[in-house]
PDB file of N, CA and C in Angstrom:
ATOM      1  N   UNK A   1     341.952 168.505 -95.323  1.00  0.00           N
ATOM      2  CA  UNK A   1     343.215 168.667 -96.055  1.00  0.00           C
ATOM      3  C   UNK A   1     343.521 167.389 -96.836  1.00  0.00           C
ATOM      4  N   UNK A   2     344.040 167.567 -98.005  1.00  0.00           N
ATOM      5  CA  UNK A   2     344.324 166.423 -98.864  1.00  0.00           C
ATOM      6  C   UNK A   2     345.827 166.251 -99.016  1.00  0.00           C
ATOM      7  N   UNK A   3     346.285 165.023 -98.802  1.00  0.00           N
ATOM      8  CA  UNK A   3     347.701 164.722 -98.960  1.00  0.00           C
ATOM      9  C   UNK A   3     347.904 163.788-100.142  1.00  0.00           C
ATOM     10  N   UNK A   4     349.017 163.977-100.836  1.00  0.00           N
ATOM     11  CA  UNK A   4     349.342 163.093-101.954  1.00  0.00           C
ATOM     12  C   UNK A   4     350.558 162.255-101.570  1.00  0.00           C
ATOM     13  N   UNK A   5     350.366 160.932-101.503  1.00  0.00           N
ATOM     14  CA  UNK A   5     351.458 160.037-101.125  1.00  0.00           C
ATOM     15  C   UNK A   5     351.665 159.001-102.222  1.00  0.00           C
ATOM     16  N   UNK A   6     352.831 159.038-102.870  1.00  0.00           N
ATOM     17  CA  UNK A   6     353.157 158.036-103.881  1.00  0.00           C
ATOM     18  C   UNK A   6     352.054 157.899-104.928  1.00  0.00           C
ATOM     19  N   UNK A   7     351.503 159.033-105.361  1.00  0.00           N
ATOM     20  CA  UNK A   7     350.465 158.996-106.378  1.00  0.00           C
ATOM     21  C   UNK A   7     349.097 158.676-105.819  1.00  0.00           C
ATOM     22  N   UNK A   8     348.987 158.553-104.482  1.00  0.00           N
ATOM     23  CA  UNK A   8     347.689 158.304-103.861  1.00  0.00           C
ATOM     24  C   UNK A   8     347.173 159.571-103.217  1.00  0.00           C
ATOM     25  N   UNK A   9     345.873 159.788-103.298  1.00  0.00           N
ATOM     26  CA  UNK A   9     345.238 160.924-102.633  1.00  0.00           C
ATOM     27  C   UNK A   9     344.645 160.423-101.322  1.00  0.00           C
ATOM     28  N   UNK A  10     345.013 161.061-100.215  1.00  0.00           N
ATOM     29  CA  UNK A  10     344.470 160.664 -98.922  1.00  0.00           C
ATOM     30  C   UNK A  10     343.736 161.855 -98.322  1.00  0.00           C
ATOM     31  N   UNK A  11     342.421 161.716 -98.205  1.00  0.00           N
ATOM     32  CA  UNK A  11     341.611 162.790 -97.662  1.00  0.00           C
ATOM     33  C   UNK A  11     341.549 162.691 -96.150  1.00  0.00           C
ATOM     34  N   UNK A  12     341.042 163.740 -95.537  1.00  0.00           N
ATOM     35  CA  UNK A  12     340.924 163.769 -94.090  1.00  0.00           C
ATOM     36  C   UNK A  12     340.002 162.656 -93.609  1.00  0.00           C
ATOM     37  N   UNK A  13     339.043 162.251 -94.467  1.00  0.00           N
ATOM     38  CA  UNK A  13     338.109 161.194 -94.083  1.00  0.00           C
ATOM     39  C   UNK A  13     338.744 159.819 -94.208  1.00  0.00           C
ATOM     40  N   UNK A  14     340.069 159.769 -94.443  1.00  0.00           N
ATOM     41  CA  UNK A  14     340.799 158.511 -94.553  1.00  0.00           C
ATOM     42  C   UNK A  14     340.406 157.730 -95.802  1.00  0.00           C
ATOM     43  N   UNK A  15     339.789 158.420 -96.767  1.00  0.00           N
ATOM     44  CA  UNK A  15     339.505 157.756 -98.038  1.00  0.00           C
ATOM     45  C   UNK A  15     340.688 157.977 -98.962  1.00  0.00           C
ATOM     46  N   UNK A  16     341.300 156.911 -99.405  1.00  0.00           N
ATOM     47  CA  UNK A  16     342.473 157.035-100.267  1.00  0.00           C
ATOM     48  C   UNK A  16     342.178 156.388-101.616  1.00  0.00           C
ATOM     49  N   UNK A  17     342.621 157.041-102.656  1.00  0.00           N
ATOM     50  CA  UNK A  17     342.481 156.471-103.982  1.00  0.00           C
ATOM     51  C   UNK A  17     343.592 157.012-104.861  1.00  0.00           C
ATOM     52  N   UNK A  18     343.798 156.368-105.997  1.00  0.00           N
ATOM     53  CA  UNK A  18     344.852 156.814-106.893  1.00  0.00           C
ATOM     54  C   UNK A  18     344.494 158.170-107.470  1.00  0.00           C
ATOM     55  N   UNK A  19     345.500 158.919-107.854  1.00  0.00           N
ATOM     56  CA  UNK A  19     345.279 160.257-108.404  1.00  0.00           C
ATOM     57  C   UNK A  19     344.406 160.171-109.650  1.00  0.00           C
ATOM     58  N   UNK A  20     344.635 159.138-110.460  1.00  0.00           N
ATOM     59  CA  UNK A  20     343.854 158.973-111.696  1.00  0.00           C
ATOM     60  C   UNK A  20     342.378 158.818-111.363  1.00  0.00           C
ATOM     61  N   UNK A  21     342.077 157.972-110.372  1.00  0.00           N
ATOM     62  CA  UNK A  21     340.677 157.753-110.000  1.00  0.00           C
ATOM     63  C   UNK A  21     340.098 159.018-109.391  1.00  0.00           C
ATOM     64  N   UNK A  22     340.907 159.705-108.593  1.00  0.00           N
ATOM     65  CA  UNK A  22     340.446 160.951-107.972  1.00  0.00           C
ATOM     66  C   UNK A  22     340.056 161.962-109.047  1.00  0.00           C
ATOM     67  N   UNK A  23     340.917 162.114-110.041  1.00  0.00           N
ATOM     68  CA  UNK A  23     340.642 163.083-111.098  1.00  0.00           C
ATOM     69  C   UNK A  23     339.404 162.669-111.891  1.00  0.00           C
ATOM     70  N   UNK A  24     339.259 161.352-112.146  1.00  0.00           N
ATOM     71  CA  UNK A  24     338.112 160.870-112.913  1.00  0.00           C
ATOM     72  C   UNK A  24     336.822 161.142-112.143  1.00  0.00           C
ATOM     73  N   UNK A  25     336.825 160.872-110.844  1.00  0.00           N
ATOM     74  CA  UNK A  25     335.646 161.148-110.022  1.00  0.00           C
ATOM     75  C   UNK A  25     335.364 162.641-110.001  1.00  0.00           C
ATOM     76  N   UNK A  26     336.425 163.452-109.927  1.00  0.00           N
ATOM     77  CA  UNK A  26     336.256 164.900-109.873  1.00  0.00           C
ATOM     78  C   UNK A  26     335.629 165.402-111.175  1.00  0.00           C
ATOM     79  N   UNK A  27     336.103 164.873-112.294  1.00  0.00           N
ATOM     80  CA  UNK A  27     335.553 165.285-113.578  1.00  0.00           C
ATOM     81  C   UNK A  27     334.089 164.867-113.679  1.00  0.00           C
ATOM     82  N   UNK A  28     333.771 163.658-113.202  1.00  0.00           N
ATOM     83  CA  UNK A  28     332.386 163.188-113.233  1.00  0.00           C
ATOM     84  C   UNK A  28     331.499 164.124-112.435  1.00  0.00           C
ATOM     85  N   UNK A  29     331.969 164.565-111.268  1.00  0.00           N
ATOM     86  CA  UNK A  29     331.182 165.475-110.448  1.00  0.00           C
ATOM     87  C   UNK A  29     330.958 166.785-111.183  1.00  0.00           C
ATOM     88  N   UNK A  30     332.000 167.291-111.846  1.00  0.00           N
ATOM     89  CA  UNK A  30     331.869 168.545-112.588  1.00  0.00           C
ATOM     90  C   UNK A  30     330.851 168.392-113.709  1.00  0.00           C
ATOM     91  N   UNK A  31     330.886 167.263-114.388  1.00  0.00           N
ATOM     92  CA  UNK A  31     329.957 167.021-115.495  1.00  0.00           C
ATOM     93  C   UNK A  31     328.530 166.962-114.968  1.00  0.00           C
ATOM     94  N   UNK A  32     328.331 166.287-113.825  1.00  0.00           N
ATOM     95  CA  UNK A  32     326.994 166.203-113.236  1.00  0.00           C
ATOM     96  C   UNK A  32     326.491 167.594-112.889  1.00  0.00           C
ATOM     97  N   UNK A  33     327.359 168.416-112.312  1.00  0.00           N
ATOM     98  CA  UNK A  33     326.949 169.768-111.939  1.00  0.00           C
ATOM     99  C   UNK A  33     326.585 170.572-113.178  1.00  0.00           C
ATOM    100  N   UNK A  34     327.350 170.404-114.255  1.00  0.00           N
ATOM    101  CA  UNK A  34     327.052 171.119-115.497  1.00  0.00           C
ATOM    102  C   UNK A  34     325.689 170.697-116.031  1.00  0.00           C
ATOM    103  N   UNK A  35     325.413 169.388-115.992  1.00  0.00           N
ATOM    104  CA  UNK A  35     324.141 168.889-116.509  1.00  0.00           C
ATOM    105  C   UNK A  35     322.983 169.417-115.682  1.00  0.00           C
ATOM    106  N   UNK A  36     323.167 169.510-114.366  1.00  0.00           N
ATOM    107  CA  UNK A  36     322.101 170.001-113.507  1.00  0.00           C
ATOM    108  C   UNK A  36     321.843 171.482-113.767  1.00  0.00           C
ATOM    109  N   UNK A  37     322.898 172.226-114.133  1.00  0.00           N
ATOM    110  CA  UNK A  37     322.749 173.659-114.364  1.00  0.00           C
ATOM    111  C   UNK A  37     322.009 173.926-115.679  1.00  0.00           C
ATOM    112  N   UNK A  38     322.159 173.015-116.644  1.00  0.00           N
ATOM    113  CA  UNK A  38     321.511 173.222-117.936  1.00  0.00           C
ATOM    114  C   UNK A  38     320.012 172.998-117.821  1.00  0.00           C
ATOM    115  N   UNK A  39     319.220 173.812-118.500  1.00  0.00           N
ATOM    116  CA  UNK A  39     317.761 173.606-118.504  1.00  0.00           C
ATOM    117  C   UNK A  39     317.406 172.333-119.252  1.00  0.00           C
ATOM    118  N   UNK A  40     316.384 171.643-118.801  1.00  0.00           N
ATOM    119  CA  UNK A  40     315.975 170.391-119.439  1.00  0.00           C
ATOM    120  C   UNK A  40     315.355 170.667-120.796  1.00  0.00           C
TER     121      UNK A  40
END
């Protein structure tokens, strides 16, 4: 479960980061997945 505290994202694994960084990492993951799906 993910909690949002004062603009911070706190995951169950106790990893906390700012919402901006969380979204940026999330977008990077999506981009990586898209690239992997595309044929070389």
